C-alpha atoms as a PDB file:
ATOM      1  CA  UNK A   1       2.257  14.059   1.297  1.00  0.00           C
ATOM      2  CA  UNK A   2      -0.183  15.123  -1.395  1.00  0.00           C
ATOM      3  CA  UNK A   3       2.746  16.739  -3.249  1.00  0.00           C
ATOM      4  CA  UNK A   4       4.612  13.472  -3.262  1.00  0.00           C
ATOM      5  CA  UNK A   5       2.005  10.757  -3.507  1.00  0.00           C
ATOM      6  CA  UNK A   6      -1.300  10.049  -5.562  1.00  0.00           C
ATOM      7  CA  UNK A   7      -3.656   7.882  -3.724  1.00  0.00           C
ATOM      8  CA  UNK A   8      -6.491   6.367  -5.654  1.00  0.00           C
ATOM      9  CA  UNK A   9      -9.242   4.259  -4.208  1.00  0.00           C
ATOM     10  CA  UNK A  10     -12.959   3.710  -4.635  1.00  0.00           C
ATOM     11  CA  UNK A  11     -15.107   6.491  -3.226  1.00  0.00           C
ATOM     12  CA  UNK A  12     -16.436   4.189  -0.367  1.00  0.00           C
ATOM     13  CA  UNK A  13     -13.111   3.164   0.727  1.00  0.00           C
ATOM     14  CA  UNK A  14     -11.349   6.275   1.671  1.00  0.00           C
ATOM     15  CA  UNK A  15     -10.918   5.713   5.261  1.00  0.00           C
ATOM     16  CA  UNK A  16      -9.625   2.135   4.840  1.00  0.00           C
ATOM     17  CA  UNK A  17      -6.996   3.574   2.241  1.00  0.00           C
ATOM     18  CA  UNK A  18      -5.836   6.053   4.768  1.00  0.00           C
ATOM     19  CA  UNK A  19      -5.372   3.355   7.460  1.00  0.00           C
ATOM     20  CA  UNK A  20      -3.238   1.450   5.202  1.00  0.00           C
ATOM     21  CA  UNK A  21      -1.311   4.322   3.756  1.00  0.00           C
ATOM     22  CA  UNK A  22      -0.685   5.964   7.119  1.00  0.00           C
ATOM     23  CA  UNK A  23       1.644   9.061   7.483  1.00  0.00           C
ATOM     24  CA  UNK A  24       4.254   6.431   8.837  1.00  0.00           C
ATOM     25  CA  UNK A  25       4.137   4.423   5.875  1.00  0.00           C
ATOM     26  CA  UNK A  26       4.166   7.422   3.509  1.00  0.00           C
ATOM     27  CA  UNK A  27       7.136   9.007   5.386  1.00  0.00           C
ATOM     28  CA  UNK A  28       8.960   5.649   4.885  1.00  0.00           C
ATOM     29  CA  UNK A  29       8.222   5.392   1.145  1.00  0.00           C
ATOM     30  CA  UNK A  30       9.127   9.096   0.607  1.00  0.00           C
ATOM     31  CA  UNK A  31      12.624   8.488   2.153  1.00  0.00           C
ATOM     32  CA  UNK A  32      13.443   4.974   1.331  1.00  0.00           C
ATOM     33  CA  UNK A  33      11.321   3.915  -1.780  1.00  0.00           C
ATOM     34  CA  UNK A  34      11.177   6.758  -4.311  1.00  0.00           C
ATOM     35  CA  UNK A  35      10.454   5.395  -7.635  1.00  0.00           C
ATOM     36  CA  UNK A  36       8.367   2.531  -6.499  1.00  0.00           C
ATOM     37  CA  UNK A  37       4.558   2.238  -6.860  1.00  0.00           C
ATOM     38  CA  UNK A  38       2.665   0.264  -4.356  1.00  0.00           C
ATOM     39  CA  UNK A  39      -0.620  -1.160  -5.659  1.00  0.00           C
ATOM     40  CA  UNK A  40      -3.226  -3.019  -3.299  1.00  0.00           C
ATOM     41  CA  UNK A  41      -5.972  -4.735  -5.293  1.00  0.00           C
ATOM     42  CA  UNK A  42      -8.012  -7.911  -4.656  1.00  0.00           C
ATOM     43  CA  UNK A  43      -6.094  -8.924  -1.587  1.00  0.00           C
ATOM     44  CA  UNK A  44      -2.731  -8.502  -3.243  1.00  0.00           C
ATOM     45  CA  UNK A  45       0.121  -6.104  -2.803  1.00  0.00           C
ATOM     46  CA  UNK A  46       2.004  -5.269  -5.820  1.00  0.00           C
ATOM     47  CA  UNK A  47       5.185  -3.213  -6.017  1.00  0.00           C
ATOM     48  CA  UNK A  48       6.517  -1.772  -9.258  1.00  0.00           C
ATOM     49  CA  UNK A  49       9.795  -0.012  -9.920  1.00  0.00           C
ATOM     50  CA  UNK A  50      10.270   2.759 -12.399  1.00  0.00           C
ATOM     51  CA  UNK A  51      13.171   0.722 -13.977  1.00  0.00           C
ATOM     52  CA  UNK A  52      14.500  -2.719 -14.338  1.00  0.00           C
ATOM     53  CA  UNK A  53      16.324  -4.062 -11.392  1.00  0.00           C
ATOM     54  CA  UNK A  54      19.938  -4.620 -12.621  1.00  0.00           C
ATOM     55  CA  UNK A  55      21.842  -5.529  -9.377  1.00  0.00           C
ATOM     56  CA  UNK A  56      21.640  -6.994  -5.938  1.00  0.00           C
ATOM     57  CA  UNK A  57      21.662  -3.423  -4.360  1.00  0.00           C
ATOM     58  CA  UNK A  58      18.483  -2.516  -6.170  1.00  0.00           C
ATOM     59  CA  UNK A  59      16.856  -5.746  -5.373  1.00  0.00           C
ATOM     60  CA  UNK A  60      17.495  -5.312  -1.694  1.00  0.00           C
ATOM     61  CA  UNK A  61      16.141  -1.967  -1.808  1.00  0.00           C
ATOM     62  CA  UNK A  62      12.755  -3.404  -3.160  1.00  0.00           C
ATOM     63  CA  UNK A  63      12.768  -6.277  -0.713  1.00  0.00           C
ATOM     64  CA  UNK A  64      13.533  -4.117   2.251  1.00  0.00           C
ATOM     65  CA  UNK A  65      10.557  -1.825   1.191  1.00  0.00           C
ATOM     66  CA  UNK A  66       8.290  -4.948   1.118  1.00  0.00           C
ATOM     67  CA  UNK A  67       9.591  -5.910   4.560  1.00  0.00           C
ATOM     68  CA  UNK A  68       8.929  -2.351   5.837  1.00  0.00           C
ATOM     69  CA  UNK A  69       5.432  -2.177   4.522  1.00  0.00           C
ATOM     70  CA  UNK A  70       4.543  -5.617   6.048  1.00  0.00           C
ATOM     71  CA  UNK A  71       6.142  -4.492   9.340  1.00  0.00           C
ATOM     72  CA  UNK A  72       4.305  -1.071   9.513  1.00  0.00           C
ATOM     73  CA  UNK A  73       0.918  -2.670   8.498  1.00  0.00           C
ATOM     74  CA  UNK A  74       1.272  -5.351  11.178  1.00  0.00           C
ATOM     75  CA  UNK A  75      -2.183  -7.088  11.644  1.00  0.00           C
ATOM     76  CA  UNK A  76      -3.975  -4.283  10.017  1.00  0.00           C
ATOM     77  CA  UNK A  77      -4.898  -6.385   6.868  1.00  0.00           C
ATOM     78  CA  UNK A  78      -6.478  -9.121   9.116  1.00  0.00           C
ATOM     79  CA  UNK A  79      -8.459  -6.405  10.988  1.00  0.00           C
ATOM     80  CA  UNK A  80      -9.638  -4.729   7.849  1.00  0.00           C
ATOM     81  CA  UNK A  81     -10.696  -7.999   6.038  1.00  0.00           C
ATOM     82  CA  UNK A  82     -14.009  -7.967   8.027  1.00  0.00           C
ATOM     83  CA  UNK A  83     -14.641  -4.340   7.247  1.00  0.00           C
ATOM     84  CA  UNK A  84     -13.886  -4.807   3.545  1.00  0.00           C
ATOM     85  CA  UNK A  85     -16.085  -7.956   3.217  1.00  0.00           C
ATOM     86  CA  UNK A  86     -18.956  -5.986   4.893  1.00  0.00           C
ATOM     87  CA  UNK A  87     -18.453  -3.042   2.651  1.00  0.00           C
ATOM     88  CA  UNK A  88     -18.436  -5.186  -0.463  1.00  0.00           C
ATOM     89  CA  UNK A  89     -21.650  -6.757   0.457  1.00  0.00           C
ATOM     90  CA  UNK A  90     -23.282  -3.265   1.386  1.00  0.00           C
ATOM     91  CA  UNK A  91     -22.024  -1.574  -1.769  1.00  0.00           C
ATOM     92  CA  UNK A  92     -23.189  -4.525  -4.110  1.00  0.00           C
ATOM     93  CA  UNK A  93     -26.614  -4.113  -2.790  1.00  0.00           C
ATOM     94  CA  UNK A  94     -26.832  -0.379  -3.318  1.00  0.00           C
END
């Protein structure tokens, strides 16, 4: 996946980033969502398309990608919330 994707995160959060961007999710993105950028920042997920969405089919592709991401993540964001809060607290003190 390293040839297809660039994954950026703060140094302290590598494990959590890999939990979110699992091989299952990356596989889906590589086959169904090329040209989209997924950004998670401050408890928000933003999805950007390389071009302007001009028709229903393109919009459906983006919405389907959002649904697939949510389905693949399941309750992982809820489970990671406590981890992130603890890490934020820990790294602010360092």
